Amino acid sequence: MKRILIVDENQVVGYTGGAEKIICELANVLSQRGYKLAILCMNKEKGLPWHPLDEKVDFFNLAHEQGGNPFSSLSWQWQRAKRELLRALGGKDLKIGSRKFADPKRKYIEDIFSKRLQYKIREWKPDVILTIDADSAYIALSALDGKDIPVISMYHGNPLDIQGEDR
């Protein structure tokens, strides 16, 4: 049986949006067709997706697995404070003079999610990883750690957001 892991680093728990609906429906349909499915996220909130999930679909919220909740740690608060300081000094682009700074809050989330996802990949052993957006694809690819697992990335938005208006 093929094992498919759907990764969404955005809000999944309790959210009613279109992308959340798509991943739940996709997981349900593929599960009914004989695939082993799991949806994986890292949300502050505990619980399940708002949209119904077939009982055969696994759901993992990595914020509440493999140790403490990374959103309640002192390190998380420090990253948030650093980002606000950078915003105060450099605006929303985090640019001070000619130097653009990486978003410390974003980096913190990506690093923890990647490490926890790496563990879940070893444990769950997916044959294919589907990601819901480019950010999730980046995190999934960084978590592969040399494993030869195909990563397929979906995009649920306006393609002009990626390509630009002049294409």
N, C-alpha and C. Protein backbone atom coordinates (compact mmCIF):
# COMPACT_ATOMS: atom_id res chain seq x y z
N MET A 1 0.83 -1.17 0.00
CA MET A 1 0.00 0.00 0.00
C MET A 1 0.89 1.25 0.00
N LYS A 2 0.64 2.14 -0.93
CA LYS A 2 1.40 3.40 -0.99
C LYS A 2 1.02 4.30 0.17
N ARG A 3 2.05 4.92 0.76
CA ARG A 3 1.85 5.82 1.89
C ARG A 3 2.11 7.25 1.43
N ILE A 4 1.11 8.11 1.61
CA ILE A 4 1.19 9.50 1.18
C ILE A 4 1.08 10.41 2.40
N LEU A 5 2.05 11.29 2.53
CA LEU A 5 2.08 12.25 3.63
C LEU A 5 1.80 13.64 3.05
N ILE A 6 0.74 14.27 3.53
CA ILE A 6 0.40 15.63 3.10
C ILE A 6 0.91 16.59 4.18
N VAL A 7 1.77 17.53 3.77
CA VAL A 7 2.40 18.45 4.71
C VAL A 7 1.89 19.87 4.45
N ASP A 8 1.39 20.50 5.51
CA ASP A 8 0.95 21.89 5.44
C ASP A 8 1.45 22.60 6.68
N GLU A 9 2.40 23.51 6.50
CA GLU A 9 2.94 24.19 7.66
C GLU A 9 2.06 25.35 8.11
N ASN A 10 1.05 25.67 7.33
CA ASN A 10 0.13 26.74 7.71
C ASN A 10 -0.93 26.22 8.67
N GLN A 11 -1.91 27.04 8.92
CA GLN A 11 -2.96 26.70 9.87
C GLN A 11 -3.86 25.60 9.32
N VAL A 12 -4.00 24.52 10.05
CA VAL A 12 -4.86 23.41 9.65
C VAL A 12 -5.91 23.14 10.74
N VAL A 13 -5.50 23.16 11.98
CA VAL A 13 -6.38 22.81 13.09
C VAL A 13 -7.49 23.86 13.23
N GLY A 14 -8.71 23.42 12.98
CA GLY A 14 -9.86 24.29 13.17
C GLY A 14 -10.10 25.34 12.09
N TYR A 15 -9.30 25.40 11.06
CA TYR A 15 -9.47 26.41 10.02
C TYR A 15 -10.41 25.92 8.93
N THR A 16 -11.22 26.83 8.40
CA THR A 16 -12.28 26.48 7.45
C THR A 16 -11.95 26.84 6.01
N GLY A 17 -10.72 27.24 5.73
CA GLY A 17 -10.36 27.75 4.41
C GLY A 17 -10.39 26.71 3.29
N GLY A 18 -10.22 27.23 2.08
CA GLY A 18 -10.27 26.38 0.89
C GLY A 18 -9.13 25.38 0.81
N ALA A 19 -7.91 25.80 1.14
CA ALA A 19 -6.77 24.87 1.09
C ALA A 19 -6.95 23.76 2.11
N GLU A 20 -7.46 24.11 3.28
CA GLU A 20 -7.71 23.11 4.32
C GLU A 20 -8.78 22.11 3.86
N LYS A 21 -9.80 22.61 3.19
CA LYS A 21 -10.85 21.75 2.67
C LYS A 21 -10.28 20.80 1.62
N ILE A 22 -9.44 21.34 0.74
CA ILE A 22 -8.85 20.52 -0.33
C ILE A 22 -8.00 19.40 0.24
N ILE A 23 -7.15 19.69 1.23
CA ILE A 23 -6.28 18.62 1.73
C ILE A 23 -7.08 17.55 2.47
N CYS A 24 -8.13 17.95 3.16
CA CYS A 24 -8.96 16.95 3.85
C CYS A 24 -9.72 16.09 2.85
N GLU A 25 -10.31 16.72 1.84
CA GLU A 25 -11.04 15.95 0.82
C GLU A 25 -10.09 15.06 0.02
N LEU A 26 -8.92 15.58 -0.33
CA LEU A 26 -7.92 14.78 -1.06
C LEU A 26 -7.50 13.57 -0.23
N ALA A 27 -7.23 13.79 1.05
CA ALA A 27 -6.84 12.68 1.94
C ALA A 27 -7.96 11.64 2.02
N ASN A 28 -9.18 12.10 2.15
CA ASN A 28 -10.32 11.17 2.25
C ASN A 28 -10.48 10.34 0.98
N VAL A 29 -10.42 11.00 -0.18
CA VAL A 29 -10.61 10.29 -1.46
C VAL A 29 -9.48 9.29 -1.69
N LEU A 30 -8.24 9.70 -1.46
CA LEU A 30 -7.11 8.78 -1.67
C LEU A 30 -7.16 7.62 -0.68
N SER A 31 -7.59 7.88 0.53
CA SER A 31 -7.73 6.82 1.52
C SER A 31 -8.79 5.81 1.08
N GLN A 32 -9.89 6.31 0.56
CA GLN A 32 -10.96 5.42 0.08
C GLN A 32 -10.52 4.60 -1.12
N ARG A 33 -9.51 5.08 -1.83
CA ARG A 33 -8.98 4.34 -2.99
C ARG A 33 -7.85 3.39 -2.61
N GLY A 34 -7.60 3.23 -1.32
CA GLY A 34 -6.65 2.22 -0.87
C GLY A 34 -5.28 2.72 -0.47
N TYR A 35 -5.03 4.03 -0.51
CA TYR A 35 -3.75 4.56 -0.08
C TYR A 35 -3.78 4.80 1.43
N LYS A 36 -2.62 4.72 2.05
CA LYS A 36 -2.48 5.06 3.47
C LYS A 36 -2.12 6.54 3.52
N LEU A 37 -2.94 7.35 4.21
CA LEU A 37 -2.78 8.80 4.20
C LEU A 37 -2.53 9.36 5.58
N ALA A 38 -1.75 10.44 5.60
CA ALA A 38 -1.58 11.22 6.82
C ALA A 38 -1.48 12.69 6.43
N ILE A 39 -2.04 13.53 7.26
CA ILE A 39 -1.88 14.97 7.14
C ILE A 39 -1.02 15.40 8.31
N LEU A 40 -0.06 16.27 8.04
CA LEU A 40 0.88 16.69 9.06
C LEU A 40 0.99 18.21 9.04
N CYS A 41 0.96 18.82 10.23
CA CYS A 41 1.10 20.27 10.35
C CYS A 41 1.87 20.58 11.63
N MET A 42 2.05 21.86 11.90
CA MET A 42 2.62 22.30 13.18
C MET A 42 1.86 23.56 13.61
N ASN A 43 0.73 23.34 14.25
CA ASN A 43 -0.15 24.44 14.68
C ASN A 43 -0.11 24.61 16.19
N LYS A 44 -0.23 25.86 16.63
CA LYS A 44 -0.27 26.15 18.07
C LYS A 44 -1.45 25.46 18.73
N GLU A 45 -2.58 25.46 18.04
CA GLU A 45 -3.82 24.91 18.60
C GLU A 45 -3.78 23.39 18.61
N LYS A 46 -4.44 22.81 19.60
CA LYS A 46 -4.64 21.37 19.62
C LYS A 46 -5.97 21.07 18.95
N GLY A 47 -6.10 19.87 18.43
CA GLY A 47 -7.36 19.46 17.84
C GLY A 47 -7.17 18.88 16.45
N LEU A 48 -8.25 18.92 15.68
CA LEU A 48 -8.28 18.33 14.34
C LEU A 48 -8.66 19.39 13.32
N PRO A 49 -8.53 19.07 12.04
CA PRO A 49 -9.02 20.00 11.02
C PRO A 49 -10.53 20.21 11.19
N TRP A 50 -11.01 21.37 10.76
CA TRP A 50 -12.44 21.67 10.82
C TRP A 50 -13.21 20.78 9.85
N HIS A 51 -12.64 20.53 8.68
CA HIS A 51 -13.28 19.69 7.67
C HIS A 51 -13.17 18.22 8.09
N PRO A 52 -14.18 17.41 7.77
CA PRO A 52 -14.17 16.01 8.22
C PRO A 52 -13.03 15.20 7.59
N LEU A 53 -12.50 14.30 8.40
CA LEU A 53 -11.46 13.38 7.95
C LEU A 53 -11.94 11.95 8.15
N ASP A 54 -11.68 11.12 7.15
CA ASP A 54 -11.96 9.69 7.25
C ASP A 54 -11.18 9.14 8.44
N GLU A 55 -11.77 8.22 9.18
CA GLU A 55 -11.09 7.67 10.36
C GLU A 55 -9.80 6.94 10.03
N LYS A 56 -9.62 6.54 8.76
CA LYS A 56 -8.38 5.85 8.36
C LYS A 56 -7.23 6.83 8.08
N VAL A 57 -7.52 8.14 8.00
CA VAL A 57 -6.49 9.14 7.73
C VAL A 57 -5.84 9.54 9.05
N ASP A 58 -4.52 9.41 9.11
CA ASP A 58 -3.78 9.84 10.30
C ASP A 58 -3.63 11.36 10.28
N PHE A 59 -3.62 11.96 11.45
CA PHE A 59 -3.40 13.41 11.56
C PHE A 59 -2.36 13.66 12.63
N PHE A 60 -1.30 14.38 12.25
CA PHE A 60 -0.20 14.69 13.18
C PHE A 60 -0.02 16.19 13.28
N ASN A 61 -0.04 16.71 14.49
CA ASN A 61 0.29 18.11 14.74
C ASN A 61 1.61 18.12 15.49
N LEU A 62 2.68 18.43 14.78
CA LEU A 62 4.02 18.31 15.35
C LEU A 62 4.32 19.31 16.46
N ALA A 63 3.47 20.32 16.63
CA ALA A 63 3.67 21.25 17.75
C ALA A 63 3.38 20.57 19.07
N HIS A 64 2.64 19.47 19.02
CA HIS A 64 2.25 18.78 20.25
C HIS A 64 2.78 17.35 20.29
N GLU A 65 3.85 17.11 19.54
CA GLU A 65 4.55 15.82 19.55
C GLU A 65 6.04 16.08 19.73
N GLN A 66 6.78 15.06 20.08
CA GLN A 66 8.25 15.10 20.13
C GLN A 66 8.77 16.22 21.04
N GLY A 67 8.23 16.30 22.21
CA GLY A 67 8.71 17.32 23.14
C GLY A 67 7.68 18.42 23.33
N GLY A 68 8.12 19.48 23.95
CA GLY A 68 7.21 20.56 24.29
C GLY A 68 6.75 21.36 23.09
N ASN A 69 5.70 22.13 23.32
CA ASN A 69 5.14 23.00 22.29
C ASN A 69 6.13 24.13 22.01
N PRO A 70 6.66 24.21 20.77
CA PRO A 70 7.66 25.22 20.47
C PRO A 70 7.10 26.65 20.53
N PHE A 71 5.77 26.79 20.52
CA PHE A 71 5.15 28.11 20.54
C PHE A 71 4.95 28.64 21.95
N SER A 72 5.32 27.85 22.95
CA SER A 72 5.19 28.32 24.33
C SER A 72 6.55 28.45 25.01
N SER A 73 7.63 28.30 24.23
CA SER A 73 8.97 28.33 24.83
C SER A 73 9.50 29.77 24.92
N LEU A 74 10.47 29.94 25.76
CA LEU A 74 11.16 31.23 25.89
C LEU A 74 11.87 31.58 24.59
N SER A 75 12.41 30.58 23.90
CA SER A 75 13.09 30.80 22.63
C SER A 75 12.13 31.39 21.59
N TRP A 76 10.89 30.88 21.54
CA TRP A 76 9.88 31.41 20.63
C TRP A 76 9.60 32.89 20.94
N GLN A 77 9.46 33.20 22.21
CA GLN A 77 9.20 34.59 22.59
C GLN A 77 10.38 35.49 22.19
N TRP A 78 11.60 34.98 22.34
CA TRP A 78 12.78 35.75 21.96
C TRP A 78 12.81 35.99 20.44
N GLN A 79 12.47 34.99 19.65
CA GLN A 79 12.45 35.16 18.18
C GLN A 79 11.40 36.18 17.77
N ARG A 80 10.26 36.15 18.42
CA ARG A 80 9.20 37.13 18.14
C ARG A 80 9.67 38.54 18.49
N ALA A 81 10.34 38.69 19.63
CA ALA A 81 10.85 40.00 20.05
C ALA A 81 11.91 40.51 19.06
N LYS A 82 12.80 39.60 18.62
CA LYS A 82 13.83 40.01 17.64
C LYS A 82 13.18 40.48 16.34
N ARG A 83 12.14 39.77 15.90
CA ARG A 83 11.48 40.19 14.66
C ARG A 83 10.83 41.57 14.82
N GLU A 84 10.19 41.80 15.95
CA GLU A 84 9.55 43.11 16.17
C GLU A 84 10.58 44.23 16.24
N LEU A 85 11.73 43.94 16.82
CA LEU A 85 12.81 44.93 16.87
C LEU A 85 13.31 45.23 15.46
N LEU A 86 13.51 44.17 14.66
CA LEU A 86 13.94 44.37 13.27
C LEU A 86 12.89 45.14 12.48
N ARG A 87 11.63 44.87 12.72
CA ARG A 87 10.56 45.62 12.04
C ARG A 87 10.56 47.08 12.44
N ALA A 88 10.80 47.34 13.73
CA ALA A 88 10.83 48.73 14.20
C ALA A 88 11.98 49.50 13.57
N LEU A 89 13.11 48.83 13.39
CA LEU A 89 14.29 49.48 12.82
C LEU A 89 14.31 49.46 11.30
N GLY A 90 13.79 48.38 10.69
CA GLY A 90 13.94 48.20 9.25
C GLY A 90 12.66 48.08 8.46
N GLY A 91 11.52 48.29 9.11
CA GLY A 91 10.25 48.18 8.41
C GLY A 91 9.86 46.73 8.17
N LYS A 92 8.75 46.55 7.45
CA LYS A 92 8.23 45.20 7.24
C LYS A 92 9.16 44.32 6.42
N ASP A 93 10.08 44.93 5.65
CA ASP A 93 11.04 44.16 4.85
C ASP A 93 12.27 43.74 5.65
N LEU A 94 12.33 44.16 6.91
CA LEU A 94 13.46 43.83 7.81
C LEU A 94 14.80 44.26 7.20
N LYS A 95 14.81 45.44 6.57
CA LYS A 95 16.00 45.93 5.89
C LYS A 95 16.51 47.17 6.62
N ILE A 96 17.76 47.09 7.08
CA ILE A 96 18.41 48.21 7.75
C ILE A 96 19.59 48.61 6.88
N GLY A 97 19.51 49.82 6.33
CA GLY A 97 20.51 50.26 5.36
C GLY A 97 20.42 49.37 4.13
N SER A 98 21.55 48.81 3.74
CA SER A 98 21.56 47.92 2.57
C SER A 98 21.46 46.44 2.98
N ARG A 99 21.36 46.19 4.27
CA ARG A 99 21.33 44.80 4.74
C ARG A 99 19.90 44.35 5.05
N LYS A 100 19.50 43.25 4.43
CA LYS A 100 18.18 42.65 4.69
C LYS A 100 18.38 41.46 5.63
N PHE A 101 17.61 41.43 6.69
CA PHE A 101 17.72 40.38 7.69
C PHE A 101 16.66 39.31 7.46
N ALA A 102 17.03 38.08 7.74
CA ALA A 102 16.06 36.98 7.70
C ALA A 102 15.10 37.14 8.88
N ASP A 103 13.89 36.72 8.69
CA ASP A 103 12.88 36.78 9.75
C ASP A 103 13.20 35.72 10.80
N PRO A 104 13.62 36.13 12.02
CA PRO A 104 14.01 35.14 13.03
C PRO A 104 12.87 34.23 13.46
N LYS A 105 11.65 34.76 13.49
CA LYS A 105 10.48 33.96 13.86
C LYS A 105 10.25 32.88 12.82
N ARG A 106 10.32 33.24 11.55
CA ARG A 106 10.13 32.30 10.44
C ARG A 106 11.20 31.21 10.47
N LYS A 107 12.45 31.60 10.68
CA LYS A 107 13.57 30.66 10.73
C LYS A 107 13.39 29.66 11.87
N TYR A 108 12.96 30.14 13.01
CA TYR A 108 12.72 29.28 14.18
C TYR A 108 11.68 28.21 13.84
N ILE A 109 10.57 28.63 13.24
CA ILE A 109 9.50 27.69 12.87
C ILE A 109 10.02 26.67 11.85
N GLU A 110 10.70 27.14 10.82
CA GLU A 110 11.21 26.24 9.79
C GLU A 110 12.17 25.21 10.38
N ASP A 111 13.07 25.64 11.25
CA ASP A 111 14.05 24.72 11.84
C ASP A 111 13.39 23.64 12.70
N ILE A 112 12.48 24.05 13.56
CA ILE A 112 11.82 23.07 14.43
C ILE A 112 10.92 22.14 13.62
N PHE A 113 10.17 22.72 12.69
CA PHE A 113 9.28 21.89 11.86
C PHE A 113 10.09 20.89 11.05
N SER A 114 11.20 21.33 10.48
CA SER A 114 12.05 20.44 9.68
C SER A 114 12.58 19.28 10.52
N LYS A 115 13.06 19.56 11.73
CA LYS A 115 13.59 18.50 12.60
C LYS A 115 12.51 17.52 13.01
N ARG A 116 11.35 18.03 13.36
CA ARG A 116 10.25 17.15 13.77
C ARG A 116 9.69 16.36 12.59
N LEU A 117 9.65 16.99 11.43
CA LEU A 117 9.20 16.31 10.22
C LEU A 117 10.19 15.21 9.83
N GLN A 118 11.47 15.47 9.98
CA GLN A 118 12.50 14.47 9.69
C GLN A 118 12.26 13.21 10.53
N TYR A 119 11.97 13.40 11.79
CA TYR A 119 11.68 12.27 12.67
C TYR A 119 10.42 11.53 12.20
N LYS A 120 9.36 12.28 11.86
CA LYS A 120 8.09 11.68 11.44
C LYS A 120 8.25 10.93 10.12
N ILE A 121 9.09 11.43 9.22
CA ILE A 121 9.36 10.74 7.95
C ILE A 121 10.02 9.39 8.24
N ARG A 122 10.99 9.37 9.14
CA ARG A 122 11.64 8.09 9.50
C ARG A 122 10.63 7.14 10.14
N GLU A 123 9.76 7.66 10.96
CA GLU A 123 8.78 6.83 11.69
C GLU A 123 7.65 6.34 10.77
N TRP A 124 7.09 7.23 9.97
CA TRP A 124 5.89 6.91 9.19
C TRP A 124 6.22 6.31 7.82
N LYS A 125 7.41 6.57 7.29
CA LYS A 125 7.92 6.00 6.04
C LYS A 125 7.00 6.25 4.83
N PRO A 126 6.79 7.52 4.46
CA PRO A 126 5.94 7.79 3.29
C PRO A 126 6.64 7.41 1.99
N ASP A 127 5.83 7.03 0.99
CA ASP A 127 6.35 6.80 -0.35
C ASP A 127 6.38 8.10 -1.15
N VAL A 128 5.47 9.01 -0.84
CA VAL A 128 5.35 10.29 -1.52
C VAL A 128 4.97 11.34 -0.48
N ILE A 129 5.49 12.55 -0.66
CA ILE A 129 5.10 13.68 0.19
C ILE A 129 4.43 14.72 -0.71
N LEU A 130 3.20 15.11 -0.34
CA LEU A 130 2.50 16.20 -1.02
C LEU A 130 2.56 17.41 -0.11
N THR A 131 2.95 18.55 -0.66
CA THR A 131 2.97 19.77 0.14
C THR A 131 1.93 20.73 -0.40
N ILE A 132 1.40 21.53 0.48
CA ILE A 132 0.28 22.40 0.14
C ILE A 132 0.75 23.73 -0.44
N ASP A 133 2.02 24.09 -0.24
CA ASP A 133 2.53 25.37 -0.74
C ASP A 133 4.06 25.31 -0.80
N ALA A 134 4.65 26.38 -1.31
CA ALA A 134 6.10 26.43 -1.49
C ALA A 134 6.84 26.37 -0.16
N ASP A 135 6.32 27.03 0.87
CA ASP A 135 6.99 27.01 2.18
C ASP A 135 7.02 25.59 2.75
N SER A 136 5.91 24.88 2.62
CA SER A 136 5.85 23.49 3.10
C SER A 136 6.80 22.60 2.30
N ALA A 137 6.91 22.86 1.00
CA ALA A 137 7.83 22.10 0.15
C ALA A 137 9.27 22.32 0.59
N TYR A 138 9.62 23.55 0.88
CA TYR A 138 10.98 23.88 1.34
C TYR A 138 11.30 23.12 2.63
N ILE A 139 10.36 23.13 3.56
CA ILE A 139 10.57 22.44 4.84
C ILE A 139 10.67 20.93 4.62
N ALA A 140 9.79 20.38 3.78
CA ALA A 140 9.82 18.93 3.51
C ALA A 140 11.14 18.53 2.86
N LEU A 141 11.59 19.29 1.89
CA LEU A 141 12.85 18.97 1.21
C LEU A 141 14.02 19.04 2.19
N SER A 142 14.00 20.00 3.09
CA SER A 142 15.10 20.10 4.07
C SER A 142 15.06 18.96 5.08
N ALA A 143 13.88 18.36 5.28
CA ALA A 143 13.74 17.27 6.24
C ALA A 143 14.08 15.90 5.66
N LEU A 144 14.23 15.79 4.36
CA LEU A 144 14.45 14.48 3.74
C LEU A 144 15.76 13.83 4.15
N ASP A 145 16.76 14.63 4.43
CA ASP A 145 18.04 14.10 4.91
C ASP A 145 18.59 12.98 4.02
N GLY A 146 18.57 13.24 2.69
CA GLY A 146 19.14 12.29 1.75
C GLY A 146 18.21 11.17 1.31
N LYS A 147 17.03 11.09 1.90
CA LYS A 147 16.08 10.05 1.49
C LYS A 147 15.53 10.37 0.12
N ASP A 148 15.31 9.33 -0.67
CA ASP A 148 14.82 9.50 -2.04
C ASP A 148 13.30 9.36 -2.06
N ILE A 149 12.62 10.37 -1.52
CA ILE A 149 11.16 10.38 -1.48
C ILE A 149 10.69 11.54 -2.36
N PRO A 150 9.84 11.27 -3.34
CA PRO A 150 9.35 12.36 -4.18
C PRO A 150 8.52 13.36 -3.36
N VAL A 151 8.75 14.65 -3.65
CA VAL A 151 7.97 15.72 -3.03
C VAL A 151 7.22 16.43 -4.13
N ILE A 152 5.90 16.45 -4.03
CA ILE A 152 5.04 17.11 -5.00
C ILE A 152 4.41 18.30 -4.30
N SER A 153 4.60 19.48 -4.88
CA SER A 153 4.09 20.69 -4.25
C SER A 153 2.87 21.22 -5.00
N MET A 154 1.82 21.50 -4.25
CA MET A 154 0.61 22.12 -4.80
C MET A 154 0.68 23.61 -4.49
N TYR A 155 -0.10 24.37 -5.22
CA TYR A 155 -0.21 25.79 -4.93
C TYR A 155 -1.68 26.18 -5.03
N HIS A 156 -2.22 26.75 -3.98
CA HIS A 156 -3.63 27.09 -3.92
C HIS A 156 -3.79 28.60 -3.79
N GLY A 157 -3.43 29.28 -4.84
CA GLY A 157 -3.54 30.74 -4.85
C GLY A 157 -3.45 31.26 -6.26
N ASN A 158 -3.29 32.54 -6.37
CA ASN A 158 -3.17 33.19 -7.66
C ASN A 158 -1.74 33.01 -8.19
N PRO A 159 -1.56 32.39 -9.37
CA PRO A 159 -0.21 32.18 -9.89
C PRO A 159 0.55 33.48 -10.13
N LEU A 160 -0.17 34.59 -10.29
CA LEU A 160 0.50 35.88 -10.46
C LEU A 160 1.25 36.29 -9.22
N ASP A 161 0.86 35.74 -8.07
CA ASP A 161 1.58 36.03 -6.83
C ASP A 161 3.02 35.49 -6.90
N ILE A 162 3.21 34.43 -7.67
CA ILE A 162 4.53 33.84 -7.81
C ILE A 162 5.25 34.41 -9.03
N GLN A 163 4.57 34.45 -10.16
CA GLN A 163 5.20 34.84 -11.42
C GLN A 163 5.30 36.35 -11.62
N GLY A 164 4.46 37.11 -11.00
CA GLY A 164 4.46 38.55 -11.21
C GLY A 164 3.43 38.95 -12.24
N GLU A 165 3.02 40.19 -12.18
CA GLU A 165 1.95 40.70 -13.04
C GLU A 165 2.35 40.78 -14.51
N ASP A 166 3.64 40.97 -14.82
CA ASP A 166 4.04 41.23 -16.20
C ASP A 166 4.28 39.97 -17.02
N ARG A 167 3.93 38.81 -16.54
CA ARG A 167 4.09 37.56 -17.32
C ARG A 167 2.91 37.29 -18.15
